Amino acid sequence: SRMTERQLDRWADAASTNSSDVCDGQTHFVDAGFNGVETGRSSNPYNRVAEGIVAAGGGGDILMIRTGIYRENLTISAQVTLRTPLGGSARIGD
């Protein structure tokens, strides 16, 4: 009766795309270790937090930042929620 982390990620993808007309915001995914075509979805996350913030656009979106170190210097002025997976941690900065 419990979903795994990846199952919850796919659920968030579906809610962000299929229910965008009734949702207040979208979930964008970031993974420092990802190499490939970046779409911000759980299977193709951005590899930089800055890319996720740009995609969020300040509309109350969520950035799910996967565990890792993100060597970025950021000033965040947009309305966005930064989250990490349960039991995970992410460090942003040098």
C-alpha atoms as a PDB file:
ATOM      1  CA  SER A   1       0.000   0.000   0.000  1.00  0.00           C
ATOM      2  CA  ARG A   2       3.049   2.282  -0.085  1.00  0.00           C
ATOM      3  CA  MET A   3       4.652   3.671  -3.198  1.00  0.00           C
ATOM      4  CA  THR A   4       8.391   3.694  -3.783  1.00  0.00           C
ATOM      5  CA  GLU A   5      10.210   6.966  -4.372  1.00  0.00           C
ATOM      6  CA  ARG A   6      10.315   6.381  -8.149  1.00  0.00           C
ATOM      7  CA  GLN A   7       6.599   5.501  -8.224  1.00  0.00           C
ATOM      8  CA  LEU A   8       5.843   8.785  -6.469  1.00  0.00           C
ATOM      9  CA  ASP A   9       8.054  10.582  -8.996  1.00  0.00           C
ATOM     10  CA  ARG A  10       6.023   9.146 -11.881  1.00  0.00           C
ATOM     11  CA  TRP A  11       2.810  10.136 -10.097  1.00  0.00           C
ATOM     12  CA  ALA A  12       4.126  13.712  -9.803  1.00  0.00           C
ATOM     13  CA  ASP A  13       4.978  13.684 -13.530  1.00  0.00           C
ATOM     14  CA  ALA A  14       1.417  12.636 -14.376  1.00  0.00           C
ATOM     15  CA  ALA A  15      -0.092  15.259 -12.084  1.00  0.00           C
ATOM     16  CA  SER A  16       2.109  17.977 -13.582  1.00  0.00           C
ATOM     17  CA  THR A  17       1.154  17.204 -17.165  1.00  0.00           C
ATOM     18  CA  ASN A  18      -2.258  15.540 -17.236  1.00  0.00           C
ATOM     19  CA  SER A  19      -3.818  17.671 -14.502  1.00  0.00           C
ATOM     20  CA  SER A  20      -2.133  20.997 -15.200  1.00  0.00           C
ATOM     21  CA  ASP A  21      -5.504  22.711 -15.614  1.00  0.00           C
ATOM     22  CA  VAL A  22      -6.494  21.852 -12.020  1.00  0.00           C
ATOM     23  CA  CYS A  23      -3.083  21.918 -10.272  1.00  0.00           C
ATOM     24  CA  ASP A  24      -1.575  25.050  -8.768  1.00  0.00           C
ATOM     25  CA  GLY A  25       1.950  24.127  -9.776  1.00  0.00           C
ATOM     26  CA  GLN A  26       4.172  21.533 -11.356  1.00  0.00           C
ATOM     27  CA  THR A  27       6.980  19.338 -10.094  1.00  0.00           C
ATOM     28  CA  HIS A  28      10.357  19.596 -11.838  1.00  0.00           C
ATOM     29  CA  PHE A  29      13.168  17.135 -11.129  1.00  0.00           C
ATOM     30  CA  VAL A  30      16.893  17.864 -10.748  1.00  0.00           C
ATOM     31  CA  ASP A  31      19.673  15.265 -10.535  1.00  0.00           C
ATOM     32  CA  ALA A  32      23.337  16.337 -10.553  1.00  0.00           C
ATOM     33  CA  GLY A  33      24.442  12.996 -11.967  1.00  0.00           C
ATOM     34  CA  PHE A  34      22.071  12.920 -14.924  1.00  0.00           C
ATOM     35  CA  ASN A  35      23.515  12.979 -18.442  1.00  0.00           C
ATOM     36  CA  GLY A  36      21.094  13.009 -21.323  1.00  0.00           C
ATOM     37  CA  VAL A  37      18.185  14.946 -22.761  1.00  0.00           C
ATOM     38  CA  GLU A  38      16.868  17.138 -19.950  1.00  0.00           C
ATOM     39  CA  THR A  39      13.117  17.716 -19.748  1.00  0.00           C
ATOM     40  CA  GLY A  40      12.680  18.187 -16.004  1.00  0.00           C
ATOM     41  CA  ARG A  41      10.608  15.010 -15.703  1.00  0.00           C
ATOM     42  CA  SER A  42      11.564  12.224 -13.306  1.00  0.00           C
ATOM     43  CA  SER A  43      13.122  10.087 -16.041  1.00  0.00           C
ATOM     44  CA  ASN A  44      14.984  13.018 -17.668  1.00  0.00           C
ATOM     45  CA  PRO A  45      15.734  15.532 -14.904  1.00  0.00           C
ATOM     46  CA  TYR A  46      17.703  18.743 -15.217  1.00  0.00           C
ATOM     47  CA  ASN A  47      21.261  18.389 -13.937  1.00  0.00           C
ATOM     48  CA  ARG A  48      21.438  21.905 -12.498  1.00  0.00           C
ATOM     49  CA  VAL A  49      19.165  23.560  -9.932  1.00  0.00           C
ATOM     50  CA  ALA A  50      19.311  26.813 -11.926  1.00  0.00           C
ATOM     51  CA  GLU A  51      17.636  25.077 -14.888  1.00  0.00           C
ATOM     52  CA  GLY A  52      14.843  23.868 -12.645  1.00  0.00           C
ATOM     53  CA  ILE A  53      14.286  27.350 -11.245  1.00  0.00           C
ATOM     54  CA  VAL A  54      14.037  28.812 -14.750  1.00  0.00           C
ATOM     55  CA  ALA A  55      11.546  26.097 -15.731  1.00  0.00           C
ATOM     56  CA  ALA A  56       9.507  26.709 -12.589  1.00  0.00           C
ATOM     57  CA  GLY A  57       9.043  30.328 -13.561  1.00  0.00           C
ATOM     58  CA  GLY A  58       7.891  31.432 -10.114  1.00  0.00           C
ATOM     59  CA  GLY A  59       4.424  29.935 -10.247  1.00  0.00           C
ATOM     60  CA  GLY A  60       4.554  28.012  -6.974  1.00  0.00           C
ATOM     61  CA  ASP A  61       6.193  24.961  -8.540  1.00  0.00           C
ATOM     62  CA  ILE A  62       8.206  22.300  -6.706  1.00  0.00           C
ATOM     63  CA  LEU A  63      11.820  21.365  -7.475  1.00  0.00           C
ATOM     64  CA  MET A  64      12.535  17.799  -6.394  1.00  0.00           C
ATOM     65  CA  ILE A  65      16.306  17.911  -5.978  1.00  0.00           C
ATOM     66  CA  ARG A  66      17.797  14.453  -5.827  1.00  0.00           C
ATOM     67  CA  THR A  67      20.606  13.670  -3.426  1.00  0.00           C
ATOM     68  CA  GLY A  68      23.936  15.160  -4.432  1.00  0.00           C
ATOM     69  CA  ILE A  69      26.185  18.187  -4.516  1.00  0.00           C
ATOM     70  CA  TYR A  70      25.211  21.014  -6.832  1.00  0.00           C
ATOM     71  CA  ARG A  71      28.151  23.361  -7.388  1.00  0.00           C
ATOM     72  CA  GLU A  72      26.111  26.438  -8.177  1.00  0.00           C
ATOM     73  CA  ASN A  73      25.876  29.889  -6.640  1.00  0.00           C
ATOM     74  CA  LEU A  74      22.228  30.894  -6.707  1.00  0.00           C
ATOM     75  CA  THR A  75      20.026  33.737  -5.647  1.00  0.00           C
ATOM     76  CA  ILE A  76      16.470  32.451  -5.665  1.00  0.00           C
ATOM     77  CA  SER A  77      13.825  35.132  -5.925  1.00  0.00           C
ATOM     78  CA  ALA A  78      11.048  33.047  -7.489  1.00  0.00           C
ATOM     79  CA  GLN A  79       8.237  31.385  -5.563  1.00  0.00           C
ATOM     80  CA  VAL A  80       9.424  27.800  -5.690  1.00  0.00           C
ATOM     81  CA  THR A  81       9.605  24.982  -3.145  1.00  0.00           C
ATOM     82  CA  LEU A  82      12.887  23.065  -2.919  1.00  0.00           C
ATOM     83  CA  ARG A  83      12.547  19.451  -1.776  1.00  0.00           C
ATOM     84  CA  THR A  84      14.772  16.411  -1.467  1.00  0.00           C
ATOM     85  CA  PRO A  85      13.736  12.759  -1.317  1.00  0.00           C
ATOM     86  CA  LEU A  86      12.885  11.362   2.100  1.00  0.00           C
ATOM     87  CA  GLY A  87      16.143  10.577   3.876  1.00  0.00           C
ATOM     88  CA  GLY A  88      18.179  12.359   1.205  1.00  0.00           C
ATOM     89  CA  SER A  89      20.167  15.560   1.261  1.00  0.00           C
ATOM     90  CA  ALA A  90      21.369  17.980  -1.349  1.00  0.00           C
ATOM     91  CA  ARG A  91      23.994  20.683  -1.034  1.00  0.00           C
ATOM     92  CA  ILE A  92      23.891  23.754  -3.248  1.00  0.00           C
ATOM     93  CA  GLY A  93      27.010  25.902  -3.468  1.00  0.00           C
ATOM     94  CA  ASP A  94      30.763  25.613  -3.752  1.00  0.00           C
END
